[in-house]
Amino acid sequence: MIKEMELQQLAERVISGEAVSKDEALSLLQIEDTQILELMNAAYKIRHHFYGNKVKLNMIINAKSGLCPENCGYCSQSIVAETPIDKYAWLTKEKIIQGAKEAIYRKAGTYCIVASGRRPTDKEISHVVDAVKEIRETTNLKICCCLGFLNPDHAKALADAGVHRYNHNLNTHRDQYEEICTTHTYDQRIDTVQQVKEAGISPCSGAIFGMGENDEQRVDIAFELRDLDADSIPCNFLVAITGTPLSGKKDLTPINCLKILAMMRFVNPAKEIRISGGREVNLGSLQPLGLYAANSIFVGDYLTTEGQQPLDDWRMIAELGFEIEECAL
């Protein structure tokens, strides 16, 4: 059992610039459940050092839904899913721009334009670029895109338009990737993150936990993200959507989720750690505790699943004594 003093000392070492080892990270995931408050206190020490009590809000717009040829087992938009969801081609530029206004209303500082599919076409990139340019001319929102695999020309076009960040998650551990998806490879995902970095866009990459990975693999994912130097790390927790191959899977408890968030903070201390999809379902009433390790959440709905009401998120943040880091108008 790790003693409270040892947790605090480890946090102090991390703040001073010392990297934790994989064995130390694993010990955080395997700490006794009765020590969860001690763990979150130590994680908060690191979080507060780098981010104070600020919380970043992000909002997603599902700009293109369903119609995806990939077979990702967790996704209701994949070709193998039988989930009854809305399926539509691209939203108009006007609707994407309107979404940016909604993001500001919800106090989000980052607006995430997400589209299903393997990779965007030249025409689709132009569509996004036109919308982004207009949003950037009229707001100070940071723009994140998640459009699938990119080539260097598309990455450059997005960068030139003013896209700040590009999301492309690793999703799961390399060794079990083929159990989750076989229509593309783990290395292709790594390549897209690198293309984004080379174009000068801030890389956003994380994982979906609860898809069968073990604790050692969760640690490996955290270290892979550290090695990729991802600036923003979304920690998703599986929502086993009916109609998907992973329907009914339930590997996580709220305490597990808190341990993962704390471990991710120790391994990637200065990075934006975001509690993402599955926050409400998997953390439940322990959601507020997650913000002692994470400094960012999504506000509103996700792609095909509902999120918590913005008012409830605002209240949760305020009651913690934390402060929303809003977009400067």
C-alpha atoms as a PDB file:
ATOM      1  CA  MET A   1       0.000   0.000   0.000  1.00  0.00           C
ATOM      2  CA  ILE A   2       1.336   3.436  -0.945  1.00  0.00           C
ATOM      3  CA  LYS A   3       1.390   5.790   2.012  1.00  0.00           C
ATOM      4  CA  GLU A   4      -0.119   9.268   1.786  1.00  0.00           C
ATOM      5  CA  MET A   5       3.298  10.825   2.391  1.00  0.00           C
ATOM      6  CA  GLU A   6       4.716   8.845  -0.548  1.00  0.00           C
ATOM      7  CA  LEU A   7       1.929  10.120  -2.834  1.00  0.00           C
ATOM      8  CA  GLN A   8       2.653  13.696  -1.840  1.00  0.00           C
ATOM      9  CA  GLN A   9       6.376  13.198  -2.337  1.00  0.00           C
ATOM     10  CA  LEU A  10       5.746  11.707  -5.782  1.00  0.00           C
ATOM     11  CA  ALA A  11       3.601  14.713  -6.678  1.00  0.00           C
ATOM     12  CA  GLU A  12       6.359  17.073  -5.533  1.00  0.00           C
ATOM     13  CA  ARG A  13       8.893  15.210  -7.662  1.00  0.00           C
ATOM     14  CA  VAL A  14       6.635  15.516 -10.699  1.00  0.00           C
ATOM     15  CA  ILE A  15       6.180  19.259 -10.124  1.00  0.00           C
ATOM     16  CA  SER A  16       9.952  19.646  -9.909  1.00  0.00           C
ATOM     17  CA  GLY A  17      10.263  18.098 -13.383  1.00  0.00           C
ATOM     18  CA  GLU A  18      10.983  14.470 -12.581  1.00  0.00           C
ATOM     19  CA  ALA A  19       9.134  11.894 -14.705  1.00  0.00           C
ATOM     20  CA  VAL A  20       7.355   9.001 -13.028  1.00  0.00           C
ATOM     21  CA  SER A  21       8.316   5.467 -14.011  1.00  0.00           C
ATOM     22  CA  LYS A  22       5.898   2.936 -15.446  1.00  0.00           C
ATOM     23  CA  ASP A  23       6.049   0.989 -12.183  1.00  0.00           C
ATOM     24  CA  GLU A  24       5.099   4.108 -10.226  1.00  0.00           C
ATOM     25  CA  ALA A  25       2.245   4.863 -12.638  1.00  0.00           C
ATOM     26  CA  LEU A  26       0.993   1.300 -12.321  1.00  0.00           C
ATOM     27  CA  SER A  27       1.054   1.565  -8.528  1.00  0.00           C
ATOM     28  CA  LEU A  28      -1.325   4.531  -8.798  1.00  0.00           C
ATOM     29  CA  LEU A  29      -3.850   2.447 -10.721  1.00  0.00           C
ATOM     30  CA  GLN A  30      -3.551  -0.386  -8.223  1.00  0.00           C
ATOM     31  CA  ILE A  31      -3.831   1.716  -5.089  1.00  0.00           C
ATOM     32  CA  GLU A  32      -6.430   0.593  -2.546  1.00  0.00           C
ATOM     33  CA  ASP A  33      -9.889   2.038  -3.166  1.00  0.00           C
ATOM     34  CA  THR A  34      -9.861   3.327   0.406  1.00  0.00           C
ATOM     35  CA  GLN A  35      -6.982   5.650  -0.580  1.00  0.00           C
ATOM     36  CA  ILE A  36      -8.781   7.322  -3.459  1.00  0.00           C
ATOM     37  CA  LEU A  37      -9.068  10.681  -1.695  1.00  0.00           C
ATOM     38  CA  GLU A  38      -5.353  10.648  -0.906  1.00  0.00           C
ATOM     39  CA  LEU A  39      -4.621   9.895  -4.573  1.00  0.00           C
ATOM     40  CA  MET A  40      -6.877  12.676  -5.849  1.00  0.00           C
ATOM     41  CA  ASN A  41      -5.329  15.102  -3.374  1.00  0.00           C
ATOM     42  CA  ALA A  42      -1.858  14.301  -4.728  1.00  0.00           C
ATOM     43  CA  ALA A  43      -3.061  14.613  -8.339  1.00  0.00           C
ATOM     44  CA  TYR A  44      -4.682  17.936  -7.470  1.00  0.00           C
ATOM     45  CA  LYS A  45      -1.369  19.230  -6.181  1.00  0.00           C
ATOM     46  CA  ILE A  46       0.081  18.762  -9.689  1.00  0.00           C
ATOM     47  CA  ARG A  47      -3.039  20.036 -11.450  1.00  0.00           C
ATOM     48  CA  HIS A  48      -3.126  23.153  -9.308  1.00  0.00           C
ATOM     49  CA  HIS A  49       0.542  23.865  -9.938  1.00  0.00           C
ATOM     50  CA  PHE A  50       0.000  23.998 -13.697  1.00  0.00           C
ATOM     51  CA  TYR A  51      -3.624  25.150 -13.994  1.00  0.00           C
ATOM     52  CA  GLY A  52      -4.759  26.547 -10.676  1.00  0.00           C
ATOM     53  CA  ASN A  53      -8.513  26.074 -10.314  1.00  0.00           C
ATOM     54  CA  LYS A  54      -9.334  26.890 -13.929  1.00  0.00           C
ATOM     55  CA  VAL A  55     -11.537  24.504 -15.933  1.00  0.00           C
ATOM     56  CA  LYS A  56     -11.561  24.540 -19.732  1.00  0.00           C
ATOM     57  CA  LEU A  57     -14.838  23.750 -21.475  1.00  0.00           C
ATOM     58  CA  ASN A  58     -15.011  22.226 -24.949  1.00  0.00           C
ATOM     59  CA  MET A  59     -18.098  21.796 -27.130  1.00  0.00           C
ATOM     60  CA  ILE A  60     -18.586  19.296 -29.969  1.00  0.00           C
ATOM     61  CA  ILE A  61     -20.624  19.711 -33.121  1.00  0.00           C
ATOM     62  CA  ASN A  62     -21.329  16.513 -35.048  1.00  0.00           C
ATOM     63  CA  ALA A  63     -20.859  17.995 -38.512  1.00  0.00           C
ATOM     64  CA  LYS A  64     -21.305  14.685 -40.355  1.00  0.00           C
ATOM     65  CA  SER A  65     -23.027  11.736 -38.701  1.00  0.00           C
ATOM     66  CA  GLY A  66     -22.862   8.028 -39.468  1.00  0.00           C
ATOM     67  CA  LEU A  67     -22.089   6.776 -42.974  1.00  0.00           C
ATOM     68  CA  CYS A  68     -18.633   5.646 -41.818  1.00  0.00           C
ATOM     69  CA  PRO A  69     -16.852   2.721 -43.542  1.00  0.00           C
ATOM     70  CA  GLU A  70     -14.690   1.905 -40.493  1.00  0.00           C
ATOM     71  CA  ASN A  71     -15.558  -0.970 -38.122  1.00  0.00           C
ATOM     72  CA  CYS A  72     -14.554   0.520 -34.749  1.00  0.00           C
ATOM     73  CA  GLY A  73     -16.318  -1.670 -32.221  1.00  0.00           C
ATOM     74  CA  TYR A  74     -17.228   1.102 -29.788  1.00  0.00           C
ATOM     75  CA  CYS A  75     -18.805   3.493 -32.293  1.00  0.00           C
ATOM     76  CA  SER A  76     -22.482   3.832 -33.142  1.00  0.00           C
ATOM     77  CA  GLN A  77     -21.538   5.538 -36.423  1.00  0.00           C
ATOM     78  CA  SER A  78     -19.446   2.629 -37.751  1.00  0.00           C
ATOM     79  CA  ILE A  79     -20.456   0.404 -40.631  1.00  0.00           C
ATOM     80  CA  VAL A  80     -20.973  -2.560 -38.279  1.00  0.00           C
ATOM     81  CA  ALA A  81     -23.179  -0.742 -35.764  1.00  0.00           C
ATOM     82  CA  GLU A  82     -26.907  -1.385 -35.692  1.00  0.00           C
ATOM     83  CA  THR A  83     -27.660   1.570 -33.446  1.00  0.00           C
ATOM     84  CA  PRO A  84     -30.564   3.761 -34.601  1.00  0.00           C
ATOM     85  CA  ILE A  85     -28.843   7.151 -34.918  1.00  0.00           C
ATOM     86  CA  ASP A  86     -29.298  10.214 -37.075  1.00  0.00           C
ATOM     87  CA  LYS A  87     -27.293   9.834 -40.274  1.00  0.00           C
ATOM     88  CA  TYR A  88     -26.574  12.852 -42.421  1.00  0.00           C
ATOM     89  CA  ALA A  89     -23.987  14.334 -44.730  1.00  0.00           C
ATOM     90  CA  TRP A  90     -22.241  17.582 -43.918  1.00  0.00           C
ATOM     91  CA  LEU A  91     -23.999  20.357 -42.070  1.00  0.00           C
ATOM     92  CA  THR A  92     -24.026  23.624 -43.963  1.00  0.00           C
ATOM     93  CA  LYS A  93     -21.351  26.194 -43.297  1.00  0.00           C
ATOM     94  CA  GLU A  94     -24.010  28.377 -41.669  1.00  0.00           C
ATOM     95  CA  LYS A  95     -24.940  25.623 -39.176  1.00  0.00           C
ATOM     96  CA  ILE A  96     -21.302  25.032 -38.288  1.00  0.00           C
ATOM     97  CA  ILE A  97     -20.868  28.767 -37.672  1.00  0.00           C
ATOM     98  CA  GLN A  98     -24.059  28.845 -35.612  1.00  0.00           C
ATOM     99  CA  GLY A  99     -22.599  26.055 -33.494  1.00  0.00           C
ATOM    100  CA  ALA A 100     -19.672  28.321 -32.656  1.00  0.00           C
ATOM    101  CA  LYS A 101     -22.109  30.862 -31.227  1.00  0.00           C
ATOM    102  CA  GLU A 102     -23.683  28.118 -29.128  1.00  0.00           C
ATOM    103  CA  ALA A 103     -20.224  27.142 -27.857  1.00  0.00           C
ATOM    104  CA  ILE A 104     -19.663  30.696 -26.635  1.00  0.00           C
ATOM    105  CA  TYR A 105     -23.073  30.680 -24.930  1.00  0.00           C
ATOM    106  CA  ARG A 106     -22.089  27.473 -23.144  1.00  0.00           C
ATOM    107  CA  LYS A 107     -18.871  29.183 -21.963  1.00  0.00           C
ATOM    108  CA  ALA A 108     -16.652  26.890 -24.032  1.00  0.00           C
ATOM    109  CA  GLY A 109     -13.228  28.136 -25.038  1.00  0.00           C
ATOM    110  CA  THR A 110     -12.714  25.435 -27.664  1.00  0.00           C
ATOM    111  CA  TYR A 111     -15.158  24.459 -30.409  1.00  0.00           C
ATOM    112  CA  CYS A 112     -14.687  20.966 -31.833  1.00  0.00           C
ATOM    113  CA  ILE A 113     -15.813  20.270 -35.399  1.00  0.00           C
ATOM    114  CA  VAL A 114     -16.151  16.505 -35.734  1.00  0.00           C
ATOM    115  CA  ALA A 115     -17.042  14.431 -38.797  1.00  0.00           C
ATOM    116  CA  SER A 116     -17.454  10.699 -39.239  1.00  0.00           C
ATOM    117  CA  GLY A 117     -15.558   8.864 -41.951  1.00  0.00           C
ATOM    118  CA  ARG A 118     -12.129   7.481 -42.742  1.00  0.00           C
ATOM    119  CA  ARG A 119     -10.574  10.658 -44.158  1.00  0.00           C
ATOM    120  CA  PRO A 120     -11.865  13.952 -45.598  1.00  0.00           C
ATOM    121  CA  THR A 121     -11.939  14.732 -49.304  1.00  0.00           C
ATOM    122  CA  ASP A 122     -10.519  17.940 -50.800  1.00  0.00           C
ATOM    123  CA  LYS A 123     -14.072  19.286 -51.010  1.00  0.00           C
ATOM    124  CA  GLU A 124     -14.771  18.499 -47.362  1.00  0.00           C
ATOM    125  CA  ILE A 125     -11.558  20.165 -46.241  1.00  0.00           C
ATOM    126  CA  SER A 126     -12.537  23.289 -48.209  1.00  0.00           C
ATOM    127  CA  HIS A 127     -15.955  23.241 -46.541  1.00  0.00           C
ATOM    128  CA  VAL A 128     -14.379  23.141 -43.073  1.00  0.00           C
ATOM    129  CA  VAL A 129     -11.768  25.753 -43.991  1.00  0.00           C
ATOM    130  CA  ASP A 130     -14.467  28.203 -45.145  1.00  0.00           C
ATOM    131  CA  ALA A 131     -16.394  27.786 -41.887  1.00  0.00           C
ATOM    132  CA  VAL A 132     -13.282  28.050 -39.713  1.00  0.00           C
ATOM    133  CA  LYS A 133     -12.112  31.244 -41.409  1.00  0.00           C
ATOM    134  CA  GLU A 134     -15.442  32.938 -40.757  1.00  0.00           C
ATOM    135  CA  ILE A 135     -15.537  31.766 -37.124  1.00  0.00           C
ATOM    136  CA  ARG A 136     -11.999  33.030 -36.579  1.00  0.00           C
ATOM    137  CA  GLU A 137     -12.884  36.420 -38.089  1.00  0.00           C
ATOM    138  CA  THR A 138     -15.733  36.971 -35.646  1.00  0.00           C
ATOM    139  CA  THR A 139     -14.724  35.163 -32.423  1.00  0.00           C
ATOM    140  CA  ASN A 140     -11.702  34.265 -30.308  1.00  0.00           C
ATOM    141  CA  LEU A 141     -12.791  30.644 -30.025  1.00  0.00           C
ATOM    142  CA  LYS A 142     -10.104  28.033 -30.360  1.00  0.00           C
ATOM    143  CA  ILE A 143     -11.026  25.579 -33.083  1.00  0.00           C
ATOM    144  CA  CYS A 144     -10.370  21.857 -32.891  1.00  0.00           C
ATOM    145  CA  CYS A 145     -11.115  19.510 -35.784  1.00  0.00           C
ATOM    146  CA  CYS A 146     -11.557  15.748 -35.798  1.00  0.00           C
ATOM    147  CA  LEU A 147     -12.030  14.609 -39.396  1.00  0.00           C
ATOM    148  CA  GLY A 148     -10.164  11.303 -39.629  1.00  0.00           C
ATOM    149  CA  PHE A 149      -6.834  10.598 -41.275  1.00  0.00           C
ATOM    150  CA  LEU A 150      -5.008  13.544 -42.818  1.00  0.00           C
ATOM    151  CA  ASN A 151      -2.425  14.006 -45.512  1.00  0.00           C
ATOM    152  CA  PRO A 152       0.150  16.846 -45.319  1.00  0.00           C
ATOM    153  CA  ASP A 153      -1.781  19.120 -47.731  1.00  0.00           C
ATOM    154  CA  HIS A 154      -4.991  18.825 -45.716  1.00  0.00           C
ATOM    155  CA  ALA A 155      -3.159  19.407 -42.449  1.00  0.00           C
ATOM    156  CA  LYS A 156      -1.543  22.543 -43.872  1.00  0.00           C
ATOM    157  CA  ALA A 157      -4.878  23.844 -45.189  1.00  0.00           C
ATOM    158  CA  LEU A 158      -6.450  23.492 -41.747  1.00  0.00           C
ATOM    159  CA  ALA A 159      -3.473  25.166 -40.087  1.00  0.00           C
ATOM    160  CA  ASP A 160      -3.571  28.072 -42.544  1.00  0.00           C
ATOM    161  CA  ALA A 161      -7.301  28.529 -41.865  1.00  0.00           C
ATOM    162  CA  GLY A 162      -6.659  28.992 -38.156  1.00  0.00           C
ATOM    163  CA  VAL A 163      -7.392  25.541 -36.715  1.00  0.00           C
ATOM    164  CA  HIS A 164      -5.647  25.443 -33.350  1.00  0.00           C
ATOM    165  CA  ARG A 165      -5.931  21.781 -32.525  1.00  0.00           C
ATOM    166  CA  TYR A 166      -6.601  18.451 -34.221  1.00  0.00           C
ATOM    167  CA  ASN A 167      -8.004  15.442 -32.397  1.00  0.00           C
ATOM    168  CA  HIS A 168      -7.055  11.918 -33.383  1.00  0.00           C
ATOM    169  CA  ASN A 169      -7.243   9.465 -30.509  1.00  0.00           C
ATOM    170  CA  LEU A 170      -5.088   6.366 -30.137  1.00  0.00           C
ATOM    171  CA  ASN A 171      -8.267   4.809 -28.724  1.00  0.00           C
ATOM    172  CA  THR A 172      -6.676   1.733 -27.144  1.00  0.00           C
ATOM    173  CA  HIS A 173      -3.422  -0.134 -26.648  1.00  0.00           C
ATOM    174  CA  ARG A 174      -1.415  -1.170 -29.685  1.00  0.00           C
ATOM    175  CA  ASP A 175      -1.566  -4.852 -28.727  1.00  0.00           C
ATOM    176  CA  GLN A 176      -5.343  -5.021 -28.675  1.00  0.00           C
ATOM    177  CA  TYR A 177      -6.071  -2.621 -31.519  1.00  0.00           C
ATOM    178  CA  GLU A 178      -7.194  -5.354 -33.920  1.00  0.00           C
ATOM    179  CA  GLU A 179      -9.763  -6.502 -31.356  1.00  0.00           C
ATOM    180  CA  ILE A 180     -11.389  -3.070 -31.581  1.00  0.00           C
ATOM    181  CA  CYS A 181     -10.867  -2.195 -35.253  1.00  0.00           C
ATOM    182  CA  THR A 182      -9.486  -3.954 -38.352  1.00  0.00           C
ATOM    183  CA  THR A 183     -10.177  -1.422 -41.120  1.00  0.00           C
ATOM    184  CA  HIS A 184      -7.166   0.682 -40.169  1.00  0.00           C
ATOM    185  CA  THR A 185      -4.101   0.290 -37.975  1.00  0.00           C
ATOM    186  CA  TYR A 186      -2.711   1.794 -34.809  1.00  0.00           C
ATOM    187  CA  ASP A 187       0.296   3.069 -36.745  1.00  0.00           C
ATOM    188  CA  GLN A 188      -1.993   5.009 -39.091  1.00  0.00           C
ATOM    189  CA  ARG A 189      -3.361   6.833 -36.080  1.00  0.00           C
ATOM    190  CA  ILE A 190       0.140   7.642 -34.858  1.00  0.00           C
ATOM    191  CA  ASP A 191       1.000   8.925 -38.335  1.00  0.00           C
ATOM    192  CA  THR A 192      -1.942  11.348 -38.348  1.00  0.00           C
ATOM    193  CA  VAL A 193      -0.923  12.820 -34.981  1.00  0.00           C
ATOM    194  CA  GLN A 194       2.560  13.353 -36.373  1.00  0.00           C
ATOM    195  CA  GLN A 195       1.195  14.961 -39.567  1.00  0.00           C
ATOM    196  CA  VAL A 196      -0.745  17.407 -37.402  1.00  0.00           C
ATOM    197  CA  LYS A 197       2.344  18.325 -35.388  1.00  0.00           C
ATOM    198  CA  GLU A 198       4.405  18.853 -38.532  1.00  0.00           C
ATOM    199  CA  ALA A 199       1.747  21.245 -39.854  1.00  0.00           C
ATOM    200  CA  GLY A 200       2.019  23.339 -36.685  1.00  0.00           C
ATOM    201  CA  ILE A 201      -1.343  22.323 -35.230  1.00  0.00           C
ATOM    202  CA  SER A 202      -1.552  21.394 -31.560  1.00  0.00           C
ATOM    203  CA  PRO A 203      -2.094  17.624 -31.256  1.00  0.00           C
ATOM    204  CA  CYS A 204      -5.029  16.298 -29.247  1.00  0.00           C
ATOM    205  CA  SER A 205      -4.970  12.564 -28.638  1.00  0.00           C
ATOM    206  CA  GLY A 206      -6.302  10.276 -25.963  1.00  0.00           C
ATOM    207  CA  ALA A 207      -8.009   6.962 -25.452  1.00  0.00           C
ATOM    208  CA  ILE A 208     -11.245   5.179 -24.648  1.00  0.00           C
ATOM    209  CA  PHE A 209     -10.821   3.226 -21.454  1.00  0.00           C
ATOM    210  CA  GLY A 210     -12.903   0.205 -20.515  1.00  0.00           C
ATOM    211  CA  MET A 211     -12.604  -1.725 -23.791  1.00  0.00           C
ATOM    212  CA  GLY A 212     -10.776  -4.702 -22.294  1.00  0.00           C
ATOM    213  CA  GLU A 213      -7.350  -3.204 -21.676  1.00  0.00           C
ATOM    214  CA  ASN A 214      -5.533  -4.079 -18.438  1.00  0.00           C
ATOM    215  CA  ASP A 215      -3.780  -1.736 -16.016  1.00  0.00           C
ATOM    216  CA  GLU A 216      -0.378  -2.243 -17.618  1.00  0.00           C
ATOM    217  CA  GLN A 217      -1.812  -1.298 -20.997  1.00  0.00           C
ATOM    218  CA  ARG A 218      -3.461   1.790 -19.527  1.00  0.00           C
ATOM    219  CA  VAL A 219      -0.050   2.888 -18.285  1.00  0.00           C
ATOM    220  CA  ASP A 220       1.473   2.190 -21.711  1.00  0.00           C
ATOM    221  CA  ILE A 221      -1.185   4.398 -23.330  1.00  0.00           C
ATOM    222  CA  ALA A 222      -0.354   7.251 -20.957  1.00  0.00           C
ATOM    223  CA  PHE A 223       3.343   6.951 -21.791  1.00  0.00           C
ATOM    224  CA  GLU A 224       2.669   6.717 -25.529  1.00  0.00           C
ATOM    225  CA  LEU A 225       0.736   9.980 -25.296  1.00  0.00           C
ATOM    226  CA  ARG A 226       3.627  11.502 -23.360  1.00  0.00           C
ATOM    227  CA  ASP A 227       6.064  10.402 -26.057  1.00  0.00           C
ATOM    228  CA  LEU A 228       3.785  11.871 -28.756  1.00  0.00           C
ATOM    229  CA  ASP A 229       3.749  15.122 -26.767  1.00  0.00           C
ATOM    230  CA  ALA A 230      -0.023  15.456 -27.105  1.00  0.00           C
ATOM    231  CA  ASP A 231      -1.040  18.862 -25.765  1.00  0.00           C
ATOM    232  CA  SER A 232      -4.584  17.804 -24.951  1.00  0.00           C
ATOM    233  CA  ILE A 233      -5.478  14.320 -23.709  1.00  0.00           C
ATOM    234  CA  PRO A 234      -9.157  13.327 -23.753  1.00  0.00           C
ATOM    235  CA  CYS A 235      -9.888  10.460 -21.388  1.00  0.00           C
ATOM    236  CA  ASN A 236     -13.028   8.747 -22.654  1.00  0.00           C
ATOM    237  CA  PHE A 237     -14.745   6.007 -20.683  1.00  0.00           C
ATOM    238  CA  LEU A 238     -16.634   3.455 -22.735  1.00  0.00           C
ATOM    239  CA  VAL A 239     -20.345   3.908 -23.156  1.00  0.00           C
ATOM    240  CA  ALA A 240     -21.331   0.447 -24.358  1.00  0.00           C
ATOM    241  CA  ILE A 241     -23.903   1.643 -26.863  1.00  0.00           C
ATOM    242  CA  THR A 242     -26.652  -0.792 -27.841  1.00  0.00           C
ATOM    243  CA  GLY A 243     -26.124  -2.030 -31.387  1.00  0.00           C
ATOM    244  CA  THR A 244     -22.325  -1.826 -31.306  1.00  0.00           C
ATOM    245  CA  PRO A 245     -20.016  -4.862 -30.947  1.00  0.00           C
ATOM    246  CA  LEU A 246     -19.095  -3.693 -27.441  1.00  0.00           C
ATOM    247  CA  SER A 247     -22.703  -3.375 -26.327  1.00  0.00           C
ATOM    248  CA  GLY A 248     -23.137  -4.474 -22.723  1.00  0.00           C
ATOM    249  CA  LYS A 249     -19.449  -4.303 -21.813  1.00  0.00           C
ATOM    250  CA  LYS A 250     -18.877  -2.866 -18.352  1.00  0.00           C
ATOM    251  CA  ASP A 251     -15.283  -2.967 -17.088  1.00  0.00           C
ATOM    252  CA  LEU A 252     -15.128   0.312 -15.176  1.00  0.00           C
ATOM    253  CA  THR A 253     -16.247   1.610 -11.815  1.00  0.00           C
ATOM    254  CA  PRO A 254     -16.246   5.294 -10.848  1.00  0.00           C
ATOM    255  CA  ILE A 255     -13.167   4.629  -8.687  1.00  0.00           C
ATOM    256  CA  ASN A 256     -11.364   3.044 -11.662  1.00  0.00           C
ATOM    257  CA  CYS A 257     -12.050   6.180 -13.707  1.00  0.00           C
ATOM    258  CA  LEU A 258     -10.661   8.435 -10.979  1.00  0.00           C
ATOM    259  CA  LYS A 259      -7.494   6.342 -10.759  1.00  0.00           C
ATOM    260  CA  ILE A 260      -7.008   6.578 -14.532  1.00  0.00           C
ATOM    261  CA  LEU A 261      -7.413  10.360 -14.466  1.00  0.00           C
ATOM    262  CA  ALA A 262      -4.962  10.692 -11.584  1.00  0.00           C
ATOM    263  CA  MET A 263      -2.420   8.420 -13.273  1.00  0.00           C
ATOM    264  CA  MET A 264      -2.722  10.421 -16.492  1.00  0.00           C
ATOM    265  CA  ARG A 265      -2.025  13.643 -14.557  1.00  0.00           C
ATOM    266  CA  PHE A 266       1.098  12.163 -12.964  1.00  0.00           C
ATOM    267  CA  VAL A 267       2.431  10.927 -16.324  1.00  0.00           C
ATOM    268  CA  ASN A 268       1.465  14.053 -18.302  1.00  0.00           C
ATOM    269  CA  PRO A 269       1.559  16.733 -15.593  1.00  0.00           C
ATOM    270  CA  ALA A 270       1.534  19.906 -17.707  1.00  0.00           C
ATOM    271  CA  LYS A 271      -0.958  18.736 -20.330  1.00  0.00           C
ATOM    272  CA  GLU A 272      -4.658  19.437 -20.653  1.00  0.00           C
ATOM    273  CA  ILE A 273      -6.355  16.343 -19.269  1.00  0.00           C
ATOM    274  CA  ARG A 274      -9.993  16.273 -20.361  1.00  0.00           C
ATOM    275  CA  ILE A 275     -12.760  14.077 -18.971  1.00  0.00           C
ATOM    276  CA  SER A 276     -14.565  13.227 -22.178  1.00  0.00           C
ATOM    277  CA  GLY A 277     -17.164  10.768 -23.471  1.00  0.00           C
ATOM    278  CA  GLY A 278     -18.755   8.580 -20.826  1.00  0.00           C
ATOM    279  CA  ARG A 279     -18.110  11.023 -18.003  1.00  0.00           C
ATOM    280  CA  GLU A 280     -21.706  11.086 -16.824  1.00  0.00           C
ATOM    281  CA  VAL A 281     -22.327   7.344 -17.214  1.00  0.00           C
ATOM    282  CA  ASN A 282     -19.073   6.077 -15.716  1.00  0.00           C
ATOM    283  CA  LEU A 283     -18.259   8.630 -13.007  1.00  0.00           C
ATOM    284  CA  GLY A 284     -21.829   9.294 -11.951  1.00  0.00           C
ATOM    285  CA  SER A 285     -22.004  11.166  -8.662  1.00  0.00           C
ATOM    286  CA  LEU A 286     -18.193  11.187  -8.446  1.00  0.00           C
ATOM    287  CA  GLN A 287     -17.859  13.514 -11.444  1.00  0.00           C
ATOM    288  CA  PRO A 288     -16.708  16.484  -9.331  1.00  0.00           C
ATOM    289  CA  LEU A 289     -13.780  14.487  -7.944  1.00  0.00           C
ATOM    290  CA  GLY A 290     -12.485  13.968 -11.489  1.00  0.00           C
ATOM    291  CA  LEU A 291     -11.696  17.661 -11.754  1.00  0.00           C
ATOM    292  CA  TYR A 292      -9.111  17.356  -9.011  1.00  0.00           C
ATOM    293  CA  ALA A 293      -6.968  15.594 -11.622  1.00  0.00           C
ATOM    294  CA  ALA A 294      -8.419  16.815 -14.930  1.00  0.00           C
ATOM    295  CA  ASN A 295      -8.660  20.467 -15.925  1.00  0.00           C
ATOM    296  CA  SER A 296     -11.047  20.186 -18.858  1.00  0.00           C
ATOM    297  CA  ILE A 297     -14.433  18.679 -19.781  1.00  0.00           C
ATOM    298  CA  PHE A 298     -16.860  18.647 -22.686  1.00  0.00           C
ATOM    299  CA  VAL A 299     -20.008  20.669 -22.134  1.00  0.00           C
ATOM    300  CA  GLY A 300     -23.273  19.531 -23.691  1.00  0.00           C
ATOM    301  CA  ASP A 301     -23.881  16.444 -25.816  1.00  0.00           C
ATOM    302  CA  TYR A 302     -21.297  14.219 -27.459  1.00  0.00           C
ATOM    303  CA  LEU A 303     -21.558  12.749 -30.966  1.00  0.00           C
ATOM    304  CA  THR A 304     -24.486  10.340 -30.587  1.00  0.00           C
ATOM    305  CA  THR A 305     -24.870  10.246 -26.794  1.00  0.00           C
ATOM    306  CA  GLU A 306     -26.280  12.849 -24.441  1.00  0.00           C
ATOM    307  CA  GLY A 307     -24.169  14.825 -22.007  1.00  0.00           C
ATOM    308  CA  GLN A 308     -24.979  16.690 -18.831  1.00  0.00           C
ATOM    309  CA  GLN A 309     -26.840  19.971 -19.097  1.00  0.00           C
ATOM    310  CA  PRO A 310     -24.500  23.001 -19.242  1.00  0.00           C
ATOM    311  CA  LEU A 311     -26.166  24.525 -16.169  1.00  0.00           C
ATOM    312  CA  ASP A 312     -25.312  21.412 -14.181  1.00  0.00           C
ATOM    313  CA  ASP A 313     -21.683  21.569 -15.326  1.00  0.00           C
ATOM    314  CA  TRP A 314     -21.429  25.264 -14.473  1.00  0.00           C
ATOM    315  CA  ARG A 315     -22.913  24.570 -11.052  1.00  0.00           C
ATOM    316  CA  MET A 316     -20.571  21.642 -10.419  1.00  0.00           C
ATOM    317  CA  ILE A 317     -17.539  23.765 -11.264  1.00  0.00           C
ATOM    318  CA  ALA A 318     -18.703  26.681  -9.118  1.00  0.00           C
ATOM    319  CA  GLU A 319     -19.506  24.465  -6.143  1.00  0.00           C
ATOM    320  CA  LEU A 320     -15.989  23.027  -6.290  1.00  0.00           C
ATOM    321  CA  GLY A 321     -14.645  26.557  -5.959  1.00  0.00           C
ATOM    322  CA  PHE A 322     -13.225  26.290  -9.467  1.00  0.00           C
ATOM    323  CA  GLU A 323     -13.548  28.821 -12.305  1.00  0.00           C
ATOM    324  CA  ILE A 324     -14.435  28.383 -15.972  1.00  0.00           C
ATOM    325  CA  GLU A 325     -11.757  29.568 -18.360  1.00  0.00           C
ATOM    326  CA  GLU A 326     -14.018  31.295 -20.889  1.00  0.00           C
ATOM    327  CA  CYS A 327     -13.291  32.433 -24.398  1.00  0.00           C
ATOM    328  CA  ALA A 328     -12.271  36.110 -24.508  1.00  0.00           C
ATOM    329  CA  LEU A 329     -14.765  37.922 -26.737  1.00  0.00           C
END
